[in-house]
Amino acid sequence: RELCFGGNGFAVVSRKGKRNYRYVCFAGSSNKSFFGVYDGLESGNAVEFVAEDLHKNVFDMMKNCEEKEEEEEAFRAAYLKTDLAFFEKGLKSGACCVTVLIQDQEMIVSSLGDCRAVLSRGGGVAEALTSDQGGYVAVSQSIEDANLKKWVIGEHKTRILKLEEDMEFLVLASDGLWDVVSNQEAVDTVLNVLAQGKTHRESKDETLIQGFENLMTCRKLRRVWLVKQQKELLPVESPIRAKPTRYYSSEDKSLYEVAPTLTSKKIKAACKELANLAVSSGSKDDITVVIVDLKHHKC
């Protein structure tokens, strides 16, 4: 099974492997965008809980932060708050994740476990923004795991980077991709897809059928949220009830469609190509890939 969705400046592909515990989250406001890839360990309890709560805790803890040190502490508090809440519920298993918050011409990248964020700089140079750990250690470095809790807490790693001119795009993905595809190979694959030109007629046809494709795609989604508000983060419901091609406003509750662009279509194609590459390279794990166009977020 596969879900696939593309929006303004980003795209998502998630393909089921041996397990069924992978989720993607997007939340945003007029000047903030949050992206997360979550990979569950033994059951869906942890990953679903984290996907629902972590971004809310991040937005809450980030209020009134002005200095870099305050932002790092806010992210730490958000991760630990999510970890503690899961522990108090007495749920089982755990979740690895990688998240990116983009705001005020900077991005805050955090990770736990073996999900990874890779940046493409000018000329297609791949740069890993997170470090992952394999095997048993990766499992322990996750949000909650009742069997390991006496030794491990949800302590994450965070980097804060200013958006620079040569920063092109981010690839966020689970270990289903990174176990078989190198950082540079992933960046090269995306660039090859983005470089493929299309005729005027093909571009026009894509625009005409995009709305229908979005309607069909949303029926397959399990946990992809899109929220747009002007002042505050709103509660988000299941995508079955809140279609992922639409946005909510805190002041105007009416829904309005967001027209996709050819660029978003290409980004989605690049996501699919990375998932296909992982499968052809032997990956049998769940594969989740998010590509974020950083040019979309620059002034």
C-alpha atoms as a PDB file:
ATOM      1  CA  ARG A   1       0.000   0.000   0.000  1.00  0.00           C
ATOM      2  CA  GLU A   2       1.178   3.515  -0.757  1.00  0.00           C
ATOM      3  CA  LEU A   3       0.096   7.036   0.030  1.00  0.00           C
ATOM      4  CA  CYS A   4       1.297   9.935  -2.042  1.00  0.00           C
ATOM      5  CA  PHE A   5       0.585  13.627  -1.708  1.00  0.00           C
ATOM      6  CA  GLY A   6       2.103  16.865  -2.965  1.00  0.00           C
ATOM      7  CA  GLY A   7       1.500  20.446  -1.852  1.00  0.00           C
ATOM      8  CA  ASN A   8       3.075  23.861  -2.286  1.00  0.00           C
ATOM      9  CA  GLY A   9       6.770  23.354  -1.680  1.00  0.00           C
ATOM     10  CA  PHE A  10       6.721  19.753  -0.438  1.00  0.00           C
ATOM     11  CA  ALA A  11       5.684  16.187  -1.239  1.00  0.00           C
ATOM     12  CA  VAL A  12       5.197  12.911   0.638  1.00  0.00           C
ATOM     13  CA  VAL A  13       5.365   9.239  -0.295  1.00  0.00           C
ATOM     14  CA  SER A  14       4.867   6.465   2.251  1.00  0.00           C
ATOM     15  CA  ARG A  15       4.946   2.803   1.260  1.00  0.00           C
ATOM     16  CA  LYS A  16       4.118  -0.135   3.504  1.00  0.00           C
ATOM     17  CA  GLY A  17       6.747  -2.799   4.026  1.00  0.00           C
ATOM     18  CA  LYS A  18       6.844  -5.445   6.748  1.00  0.00           C
ATOM     19  CA  ARG A  19       5.191  -3.156   9.278  1.00  0.00           C
ATOM     20  CA  ASN A  20       2.387  -0.638   9.161  1.00  0.00           C
ATOM     21  CA  TYR A  21       3.642   1.963  11.571  1.00  0.00           C
ATOM     22  CA  ARG A  22       4.892   4.955   9.620  1.00  0.00           C
ATOM     23  CA  TYR A  23       3.340   8.372   9.685  1.00  0.00           C
ATOM     24  CA  VAL A  24       3.937  11.816   8.281  1.00  0.00           C
ATOM     25  CA  CYS A  25       2.872  15.148   9.716  1.00  0.00           C
ATOM     26  CA  PHE A  26       2.713  18.649   8.322  1.00  0.00           C
ATOM     27  CA  ALA A  27       1.451  21.634  10.282  1.00  0.00           C
ATOM     28  CA  GLY A  28       1.876  25.285   9.545  1.00  0.00           C
ATOM     29  CA  SER A  29       0.902  28.893   9.957  1.00  0.00           C
ATOM     30  CA  SER A  30       1.408  32.075   7.982  1.00  0.00           C
ATOM     31  CA  ASN A  31       5.130  32.058   8.818  1.00  0.00           C
ATOM     32  CA  LYS A  32       5.871  28.549  10.150  1.00  0.00           C
ATOM     33  CA  SER A  33       6.065  25.097   8.594  1.00  0.00           C
ATOM     34  CA  PHE A  34       6.600  21.845  10.493  1.00  0.00           C
ATOM     35  CA  PHE A  35       7.442  18.528   8.844  1.00  0.00           C
ATOM     36  CA  GLY A  36       7.912  15.183  10.577  1.00  0.00           C
ATOM     37  CA  VAL A  37       8.559  11.561   9.645  1.00  0.00           C
ATOM     38  CA  TYR A  38       7.738   9.017  12.349  1.00  0.00           C
ATOM     39  CA  ASP A  39       8.725   5.349  12.293  1.00  0.00           C
ATOM     40  CA  GLY A  40       7.116   2.942  14.789  1.00  0.00           C
ATOM     41  CA  LEU A  41       8.908   0.060  16.455  1.00  0.00           C
ATOM     42  CA  GLU A  42       6.522  -2.748  17.417  1.00  0.00           C
ATOM     43  CA  SER A  43       2.997  -1.327  17.359  1.00  0.00           C
ATOM     44  CA  GLY A  44       1.173   1.749  16.159  1.00  0.00           C
ATOM     45  CA  ASN A  45       0.552   3.159  19.644  1.00  0.00           C
ATOM     46  CA  ALA A  46       3.708   5.215  19.968  1.00  0.00           C
ATOM     47  CA  VAL A  47       4.001   6.510  16.431  1.00  0.00           C
ATOM     48  CA  GLU A  48       0.358   7.585  16.275  1.00  0.00           C
ATOM     49  CA  PHE A  49       0.615   9.291  19.651  1.00  0.00           C
ATOM     50  CA  VAL A  50       3.800  11.140  18.681  1.00  0.00           C
ATOM     51  CA  ALA A  51       2.414  12.184  15.286  1.00  0.00           C
ATOM     52  CA  GLU A  52      -0.629  13.684  16.983  1.00  0.00           C
ATOM     53  CA  ASP A  53       1.124  15.450  19.856  1.00  0.00           C
ATOM     54  CA  LEU A  54       4.747  16.333  19.097  1.00  0.00           C
ATOM     55  CA  HIS A  55       4.156  19.211  16.675  1.00  0.00           C
ATOM     56  CA  LYS A  56       1.566  20.714  19.034  1.00  0.00           C
ATOM     57  CA  ASN A  57       4.067  20.610  21.884  1.00  0.00           C
ATOM     58  CA  VAL A  58       6.741  22.165  19.668  1.00  0.00           C
ATOM     59  CA  PHE A  59       4.510  25.080  18.659  1.00  0.00           C
ATOM     60  CA  ASP A  60       3.471  25.560  22.282  1.00  0.00           C
ATOM     61  CA  MET A  61       7.020  25.514  23.669  1.00  0.00           C
ATOM     62  CA  MET A  62       8.328  27.778  20.904  1.00  0.00           C
ATOM     63  CA  LYS A  63       6.067  30.665  21.881  1.00  0.00           C
ATOM     64  CA  ASN A  64       8.036  33.790  22.780  1.00  0.00           C
ATOM     65  CA  CYS A  65      11.424  32.212  21.992  1.00  0.00           C
ATOM     66  CA  GLU A  66      13.907  34.803  20.763  1.00  0.00           C
ATOM     67  CA  GLU A  67      17.410  33.414  21.259  1.00  0.00           C
ATOM     68  CA  LYS A  68      18.953  30.297  19.720  1.00  0.00           C
ATOM     69  CA  GLU A  69      19.505  28.769  23.150  1.00  0.00           C
ATOM     70  CA  GLU A  70      15.840  29.312  23.997  1.00  0.00           C
ATOM     71  CA  GLU A  71      14.765  27.566  20.794  1.00  0.00           C
ATOM     72  CA  GLU A  72      16.967  24.559  21.514  1.00  0.00           C
ATOM     73  CA  GLU A  73      15.592  24.317  25.049  1.00  0.00           C
ATOM     74  CA  ALA A  74      12.028  24.647  23.738  1.00  0.00           C
ATOM     75  CA  PHE A  75      12.546  21.710  21.379  1.00  0.00           C
ATOM     76  CA  ARG A  76      14.055  19.660  24.172  1.00  0.00           C
ATOM     77  CA  ALA A  77      11.070  20.443  26.385  1.00  0.00           C
ATOM     78  CA  ALA A  78       8.621  19.541  23.605  1.00  0.00           C
ATOM     79  CA  TYR A  79      10.238  16.158  23.001  1.00  0.00           C
ATOM     80  CA  LEU A  80      10.418  15.350  26.702  1.00  0.00           C
ATOM     81  CA  LYS A  81       6.828  16.471  27.266  1.00  0.00           C
ATOM     82  CA  THR A  82       5.683  14.114  24.515  1.00  0.00           C
ATOM     83  CA  ASP A  83       7.817  11.327  25.946  1.00  0.00           C
ATOM     84  CA  LEU A  84       6.456  11.795  29.463  1.00  0.00           C
ATOM     85  CA  ALA A  85       2.844  11.921  28.290  1.00  0.00           C
ATOM     86  CA  PHE A  86       3.291   8.624  26.453  1.00  0.00           C
ATOM     87  CA  PHE A  87       4.893   7.037  29.492  1.00  0.00           C
ATOM     88  CA  GLU A  88       2.032   8.172  31.734  1.00  0.00           C
ATOM     89  CA  LYS A  89      -0.503   6.530  29.421  1.00  0.00           C
ATOM     90  CA  GLY A  90       1.250   3.203  29.902  1.00  0.00           C
ATOM     91  CA  LEU A  91       1.345   2.446  26.178  1.00  0.00           C
ATOM     92  CA  LYS A  92       3.829   0.056  24.604  1.00  0.00           C
ATOM     93  CA  SER A  93       6.691   0.297  22.119  1.00  0.00           C
ATOM     94  CA  GLY A  94       8.287   3.477  20.757  1.00  0.00           C
ATOM     95  CA  ALA A  95       8.907   5.680  17.758  1.00  0.00           C
ATOM     96  CA  CYS A  96      11.912   7.134  15.976  1.00  0.00           C
ATOM     97  CA  CYS A  97      11.443  10.442  14.195  1.00  0.00           C
ATOM     98  CA  VAL A  98      12.998  13.351  12.348  1.00  0.00           C
ATOM     99  CA  THR A  99      11.353  16.779  12.387  1.00  0.00           C
ATOM    100  CA  VAL A 100      12.011  20.158  10.797  1.00  0.00           C
ATOM    101  CA  LEU A 101      10.510  23.501  11.804  1.00  0.00           C
ATOM    102  CA  ILE A 102      11.032  26.313   9.279  1.00  0.00           C
ATOM    103  CA  GLN A 103      10.401  29.859  10.458  1.00  0.00           C
ATOM    104  CA  ASP A 104      11.970  33.322  10.292  1.00  0.00           C
ATOM    105  CA  GLN A 105      14.465  32.270   7.608  1.00  0.00           C
ATOM    106  CA  GLU A 106      15.899  29.440   9.677  1.00  0.00           C
ATOM    107  CA  MET A 107      15.219  25.743  10.130  1.00  0.00           C
ATOM    108  CA  ILE A 108      15.372  23.723  13.318  1.00  0.00           C
ATOM    109  CA  VAL A 109      16.155  20.062  12.643  1.00  0.00           C
ATOM    110  CA  SER A 110      15.712  17.397  15.325  1.00  0.00           C
ATOM    111  CA  SER A 111      15.946  13.625  15.314  1.00  0.00           C
ATOM    112  CA  LEU A 112      15.653  10.518  17.453  1.00  0.00           C
ATOM    113  CA  GLY A 113      16.856   7.118  16.256  1.00  0.00           C
ATOM    114  CA  ASP A 114      17.529   6.285  12.622  1.00  0.00           C
ATOM    115  CA  CYS A 115      15.212   8.590  10.703  1.00  0.00           C
ATOM    116  CA  ARG A 116      17.377  11.112   8.848  1.00  0.00           C
ATOM    117  CA  ALA A 117      17.364  14.580   7.278  1.00  0.00           C
ATOM    118  CA  VAL A 118      19.643  15.286   4.305  1.00  0.00           C
ATOM    119  CA  LEU A 119      20.194  18.715   2.763  1.00  0.00           C
ATOM    120  CA  SER A 120      21.052  19.401  -0.874  1.00  0.00           C
ATOM    121  CA  ARG A 121      23.292  22.421  -1.327  1.00  0.00           C
ATOM    122  CA  GLY A 122      24.173  24.230  -4.540  1.00  0.00           C
ATOM    123  CA  GLY A 123      25.518  21.890  -7.167  1.00  0.00           C
ATOM    124  CA  GLY A 124      23.766  18.917  -5.575  1.00  0.00           C
ATOM    125  CA  VAL A 125      26.125  18.329  -2.652  1.00  0.00           C
ATOM    126  CA  ALA A 126      24.486  16.105  -0.016  1.00  0.00           C
ATOM    127  CA  GLU A 127      24.868  17.061   3.642  1.00  0.00           C
ATOM    128  CA  ALA A 128      23.439  14.957   6.477  1.00  0.00           C
ATOM    129  CA  LEU A 129      21.823  17.228   9.069  1.00  0.00           C
ATOM    130  CA  THR A 130      21.223  14.420  11.563  1.00  0.00           C
ATOM    131  CA  SER A 131      23.191  11.414  12.762  1.00  0.00           C
ATOM    132  CA  ASP A 132      21.499   8.058  13.226  1.00  0.00           C
ATOM    133  CA  GLN A 133      22.408   4.915  15.123  1.00  0.00           C
ATOM    134  CA  GLY A 134      21.721   1.411  13.878  1.00  0.00           C
ATOM    135  CA  GLY A 135      20.479  -1.774  15.487  1.00  0.00           C
ATOM    136  CA  TYR A 136      19.670  -1.914  19.184  1.00  0.00           C
ATOM    137  CA  VAL A 137      20.884   1.619  19.869  1.00  0.00           C
ATOM    138  CA  ALA A 138      18.504   3.092  17.297  1.00  0.00           C
ATOM    139  CA  VAL A 139      15.623   1.310  18.981  1.00  0.00           C
ATOM    140  CA  SER A 140      16.626   2.676  22.372  1.00  0.00           C
ATOM    141  CA  GLN A 141      16.996   6.221  21.029  1.00  0.00           C
ATOM    142  CA  SER A 142      13.284   6.681  20.460  1.00  0.00           C
ATOM    143  CA  ILE A 143      10.332   8.333  22.102  1.00  0.00           C
ATOM    144  CA  GLU A 144       9.271   5.809  24.709  1.00  0.00           C
ATOM    145  CA  ASP A 145       9.949   2.132  24.958  1.00  0.00           C
ATOM    146  CA  ALA A 146       8.621   0.677  28.179  1.00  0.00           C
ATOM    147  CA  ASN A 147      11.202  -2.117  28.230  1.00  0.00           C
ATOM    148  CA  LEU A 148      14.121   0.328  27.939  1.00  0.00           C
ATOM    149  CA  LYS A 149      12.718   3.255  29.896  1.00  0.00           C
ATOM    150  CA  LYS A 150      14.861   2.767  32.983  1.00  0.00           C
ATOM    151  CA  TRP A 151      17.914   3.598  30.839  1.00  0.00           C
ATOM    152  CA  VAL A 152      16.687   5.894  28.088  1.00  0.00           C
ATOM    153  CA  ILE A 153      14.590   9.050  27.803  1.00  0.00           C
ATOM    154  CA  GLY A 154      13.424  10.825  24.651  1.00  0.00           C
ATOM    155  CA  GLU A 155      16.528  12.995  24.396  1.00  0.00           C
ATOM    156  CA  HIS A 156      16.874  14.249  20.860  1.00  0.00           C
ATOM    157  CA  LYS A 157      19.557  15.987  18.815  1.00  0.00           C
ATOM    158  CA  THR A 158      18.853  19.466  17.423  1.00  0.00           C
ATOM    159  CA  ARG A 159      20.528  21.742  14.871  1.00  0.00           C
ATOM    160  CA  ILE A 160      19.533  25.296  14.002  1.00  0.00           C
ATOM    161  CA  LEU A 161      20.563  26.571  10.573  1.00  0.00           C
ATOM    162  CA  LYS A 162      19.958  29.839   8.770  1.00  0.00           C
ATOM    163  CA  LEU A 163      18.410  29.432   5.338  1.00  0.00           C
ATOM    164  CA  GLU A 164      21.198  30.188   2.878  1.00  0.00           C
ATOM    165  CA  GLU A 165      21.074  30.909  -0.829  1.00  0.00           C
ATOM    166  CA  ASP A 166      22.694  27.622  -1.855  1.00  0.00           C
ATOM    167  CA  MET A 167      20.266  25.457   0.145  1.00  0.00           C
ATOM    168  CA  GLU A 168      18.017  23.693  -2.381  1.00  0.00           C
ATOM    169  CA  PHE A 169      15.865  21.055  -0.699  1.00  0.00           C
ATOM    170  CA  LEU A 170      15.577  18.639   2.228  1.00  0.00           C
ATOM    171  CA  VAL A 171      14.985  14.896   2.129  1.00  0.00           C
ATOM    172  CA  LEU A 172      13.442  13.513   5.323  1.00  0.00           C
ATOM    173  CA  ALA A 173      13.043   9.745   5.412  1.00  0.00           C
ATOM    174  CA  SER A 174      12.825   6.632   7.539  1.00  0.00           C
ATOM    175  CA  ASP A 175      15.503   3.939   7.622  1.00  0.00           C
ATOM    176  CA  GLY A 176      13.574   2.043   4.955  1.00  0.00           C
ATOM    177  CA  LEU A 177      15.283   4.427   2.530  1.00  0.00           C
ATOM    178  CA  TRP A 178      18.576   5.175   4.271  1.00  0.00           C
ATOM    179  CA  ASP A 179      19.495   1.532   4.935  1.00  0.00           C
ATOM    180  CA  VAL A 180      19.930   0.987   1.187  1.00  0.00           C
ATOM    181  CA  VAL A 181      20.361   4.466  -0.366  1.00  0.00           C
ATOM    182  CA  SER A 182      23.254   6.818   0.405  1.00  0.00           C
ATOM    183  CA  ASN A 183      22.812  10.525   1.098  1.00  0.00           C
ATOM    184  CA  GLN A 184      24.412  11.549  -2.196  1.00  0.00           C
ATOM    185  CA  GLU A 185      22.483   8.944  -4.162  1.00  0.00           C
ATOM    186  CA  ALA A 186      19.223  10.310  -2.752  1.00  0.00           C
ATOM    187  CA  VAL A 187      20.114  13.897  -3.666  1.00  0.00           C
ATOM    188  CA  ASP A 188      21.247  12.877  -7.161  1.00  0.00           C
ATOM    189  CA  THR A 189      17.998  10.986  -7.719  1.00  0.00           C
ATOM    190  CA  VAL A 190      15.886  13.985  -6.740  1.00  0.00           C
ATOM    191  CA  LEU A 191      17.898  16.342  -8.951  1.00  0.00           C
ATOM    192  CA  ASN A 192      17.571  13.991 -11.921  1.00  0.00           C
ATOM    193  CA  VAL A 193      13.788  13.933 -11.580  1.00  0.00           C
ATOM    194  CA  LEU A 194      13.506  17.690 -11.065  1.00  0.00           C
ATOM    195  CA  ALA A 195      15.662  18.279 -14.142  1.00  0.00           C
ATOM    196  CA  GLN A 196      13.353  16.320 -16.411  1.00  0.00           C
ATOM    197  CA  GLY A 197      11.472  18.790 -18.606  1.00  0.00           C
ATOM    198  CA  LYS A 198       7.838  18.569 -19.670  1.00  0.00           C
ATOM    199  CA  THR A 199       6.029  19.884 -22.712  1.00  0.00           C
ATOM    200  CA  HIS A 200       3.474  22.676 -22.420  1.00  0.00           C
ATOM    201  CA  ARG A 201       0.665  20.205 -23.138  1.00  0.00           C
ATOM    202  CA  GLU A 202       1.848  17.815 -20.410  1.00  0.00           C
ATOM    203  CA  SER A 203       1.969  20.665 -17.904  1.00  0.00           C
ATOM    204  CA  LYS A 204      -1.556  21.758 -18.878  1.00  0.00           C
ATOM    205  CA  ASP A 205      -2.909  18.217 -18.598  1.00  0.00           C
ATOM    206  CA  GLU A 206      -1.318  17.798 -15.161  1.00  0.00           C
ATOM    207  CA  THR A 207      -3.059  20.929 -13.923  1.00  0.00           C
ATOM    208  CA  LEU A 208      -6.431  19.714 -15.190  1.00  0.00           C
ATOM    209  CA  ILE A 209      -6.241  16.275 -13.583  1.00  0.00           C
ATOM    210  CA  GLN A 210      -4.517  17.280 -10.330  1.00  0.00           C
ATOM    211  CA  GLY A 211      -7.766  18.003  -8.500  1.00  0.00           C
ATOM    212  CA  PHE A 212      -9.142  14.561  -9.331  1.00  0.00           C
ATOM    213  CA  GLU A 213      -5.898  12.893  -8.266  1.00  0.00           C
ATOM    214  CA  ASN A 214      -5.995  14.691  -4.910  1.00  0.00           C
ATOM    215  CA  LEU A 215      -9.536  13.475  -4.254  1.00  0.00           C
ATOM    216  CA  MET A 216      -8.495   9.895  -4.989  1.00  0.00           C
ATOM    217  CA  THR A 217      -5.298  10.167  -2.966  1.00  0.00           C
ATOM    218  CA  CYS A 218      -6.946  11.502   0.186  1.00  0.00           C
ATOM    219  CA  ARG A 219      -8.937   8.279   0.561  1.00  0.00           C
ATOM    220  CA  LYS A 220      -5.684   6.369   0.986  1.00  0.00           C
ATOM    221  CA  LEU A 221      -4.122   8.645   3.593  1.00  0.00           C
ATOM    222  CA  ARG A 222      -3.957   7.579   7.199  1.00  0.00           C
ATOM    223  CA  ARG A 223      -2.199  10.354   8.993  1.00  0.00           C
ATOM    224  CA  VAL A 224      -1.249  13.401   6.912  1.00  0.00           C
ATOM    225  CA  TRP A 225      -2.290  16.736   8.320  1.00  0.00           C
ATOM    226  CA  LEU A 226      -2.271  20.109   6.667  1.00  0.00           C
ATOM    227  CA  VAL A 227      -3.110  23.068   8.816  1.00  0.00           C
ATOM    228  CA  LYS A 228      -2.827  26.707   7.930  1.00  0.00           C
ATOM    229  CA  GLN A 229      -3.762  29.380  10.395  1.00  0.00           C
ATOM    230  CA  GLN A 230      -2.982  33.023  10.936  1.00  0.00           C
ATOM    231  CA  LYS A 231      -2.561  33.171  14.684  1.00  0.00           C
ATOM    232  CA  GLU A 232      -2.747  29.812  16.447  1.00  0.00           C
ATOM    233  CA  LEU A 233      -2.468  26.077  15.854  1.00  0.00           C
ATOM    234  CA  LEU A 234      -5.852  24.413  15.495  1.00  0.00           C
ATOM    235  CA  PRO A 235      -6.768  20.855  16.523  1.00  0.00           C
ATOM    236  CA  VAL A 236      -6.425  18.485  13.584  1.00  0.00           C
ATOM    237  CA  GLU A 237      -8.748  15.589  12.837  1.00  0.00           C
ATOM    238  CA  SER A 238      -8.272  12.418  10.841  1.00  0.00           C
ATOM    239  CA  PRO A 239      -7.595  13.097   7.156  1.00  0.00           C
ATOM    240  CA  ILE A 240     -10.618  10.950   6.367  1.00  0.00           C
ATOM    241  CA  ARG A 241     -12.718  13.816   7.725  1.00  0.00           C
ATOM    242  CA  ALA A 242     -10.316  16.660   6.922  1.00  0.00           C
ATOM    243  CA  LYS A 243      -9.103  16.324   3.351  1.00  0.00           C
ATOM    244  CA  PRO A 244      -5.342  16.896   3.002  1.00  0.00           C
ATOM    245  CA  THR A 245      -5.754  19.153  -0.026  1.00  0.00           C
ATOM    246  CA  ARG A 246      -7.422  21.803   2.131  1.00  0.00           C
ATOM    247  CA  TYR A 247      -6.354  24.270   4.796  1.00  0.00           C
ATOM    248  CA  TYR A 248      -8.035  25.706   7.892  1.00  0.00           C
ATOM    249  CA  SER A 249      -7.885  29.340   8.981  1.00  0.00           C
ATOM    250  CA  SER A 250      -8.277  30.314  12.639  1.00  0.00           C
ATOM    251  CA  GLU A 251     -10.252  33.405  11.646  1.00  0.00           C
ATOM    252  CA  ASP A 252     -12.109  32.085   8.621  1.00  0.00           C
ATOM    253  CA  LYS A 253     -13.343  28.532   9.161  1.00  0.00           C
ATOM    254  CA  SER A 254     -14.390  28.128   5.524  1.00  0.00           C
ATOM    255  CA  LEU A 255     -12.215  25.811   3.439  1.00  0.00           C
ATOM    256  CA  TYR A 256     -10.465  26.819   0.268  1.00  0.00           C
ATOM    257  CA  GLU A 257      -8.531  24.742  -2.223  1.00  0.00           C
ATOM    258  CA  VAL A 258      -4.833  25.316  -2.822  1.00  0.00           C
ATOM    259  CA  ALA A 259      -3.871  24.947  -6.483  1.00  0.00           C
ATOM    260  CA  PRO A 260      -0.830  22.712  -6.923  1.00  0.00           C
ATOM    261  CA  THR A 261       2.036  23.746  -9.169  1.00  0.00           C
ATOM    262  CA  LEU A 262       4.185  21.877 -11.648  1.00  0.00           C
ATOM    263  CA  THR A 263       7.027  22.128  -9.180  1.00  0.00           C
ATOM    264  CA  SER A 264       5.028  20.259  -6.537  1.00  0.00           C
ATOM    265  CA  LYS A 265       4.197  17.635  -9.154  1.00  0.00           C
ATOM    266  CA  LYS A 266       7.890  17.114  -9.828  1.00  0.00           C
ATOM    267  CA  ILE A 267       8.690  16.936  -6.121  1.00  0.00           C
ATOM    268  CA  LYS A 268       6.066  14.232  -5.725  1.00  0.00           C
ATOM    269  CA  ALA A 269       7.579  12.341  -8.654  1.00  0.00           C
ATOM    270  CA  ALA A 270      10.987  12.602  -6.977  1.00  0.00           C
ATOM    271  CA  CYS A 271       9.556  11.142  -3.757  1.00  0.00           C
ATOM    272  CA  LYS A 272       8.150   8.205  -5.693  1.00  0.00           C
ATOM    273  CA  GLU A 273      11.452   7.669  -7.455  1.00  0.00           C
ATOM    274  CA  LEU A 274      13.291   7.500  -4.117  1.00  0.00           C
ATOM    275  CA  ALA A 275      10.794   4.950  -2.784  1.00  0.00           C
ATOM    276  CA  ASN A 276      11.176   2.894  -5.963  1.00  0.00           C
ATOM    277  CA  LEU A 277      14.954   3.085  -5.666  1.00  0.00           C
ATOM    278  CA  ALA A 278      14.811   1.801  -2.088  1.00  0.00           C
ATOM    279  CA  VAL A 279      12.640  -1.158  -3.094  1.00  0.00           C
ATOM    280  CA  SER A 280      14.818  -2.022  -6.095  1.00  0.00           C
ATOM    281  CA  SER A 281      17.860  -1.831  -3.791  1.00  0.00           C
ATOM    282  CA  GLY A 282      16.389  -4.494  -1.527  1.00  0.00           C
ATOM    283  CA  SER A 283      14.507  -2.596   1.190  1.00  0.00           C
ATOM    284  CA  LYS A 284      11.645  -4.597   2.678  1.00  0.00           C
ATOM    285  CA  ASP A 285      10.937  -2.110   5.465  1.00  0.00           C
ATOM    286  CA  ASP A 286       8.363   0.674   5.519  1.00  0.00           C
ATOM    287  CA  ILE A 287       9.568   3.578   3.385  1.00  0.00           C
ATOM    288  CA  THR A 288       8.513   7.154   4.098  1.00  0.00           C
ATOM    289  CA  VAL A 289      10.018  10.072   2.188  1.00  0.00           C
ATOM    290  CA  VAL A 290       9.312  13.802   2.479  1.00  0.00           C
ATOM    291  CA  ILE A 291      10.971  16.335   0.181  1.00  0.00           C
ATOM    292  CA  VAL A 292      10.832  20.019   1.157  1.00  0.00           C
ATOM    293  CA  ASP A 293      11.663  22.713  -1.400  1.00  0.00           C
ATOM    294  CA  LEU A 294      13.631  25.256   0.638  1.00  0.00           C
ATOM    295  CA  LYS A 295      13.338  27.884  -2.087  1.00  0.00           C
ATOM    296  CA  HIS A 296       9.636  27.988  -1.286  1.00  0.00           C
ATOM    297  CA  HIS A 297      10.483  29.167   2.249  1.00  0.00           C
ATOM    298  CA  LYS A 298      13.033  31.862   1.403  1.00  0.00           C
ATOM    299  CA  CYS A 299      12.165  35.554   1.212  1.00  0.00           C
END
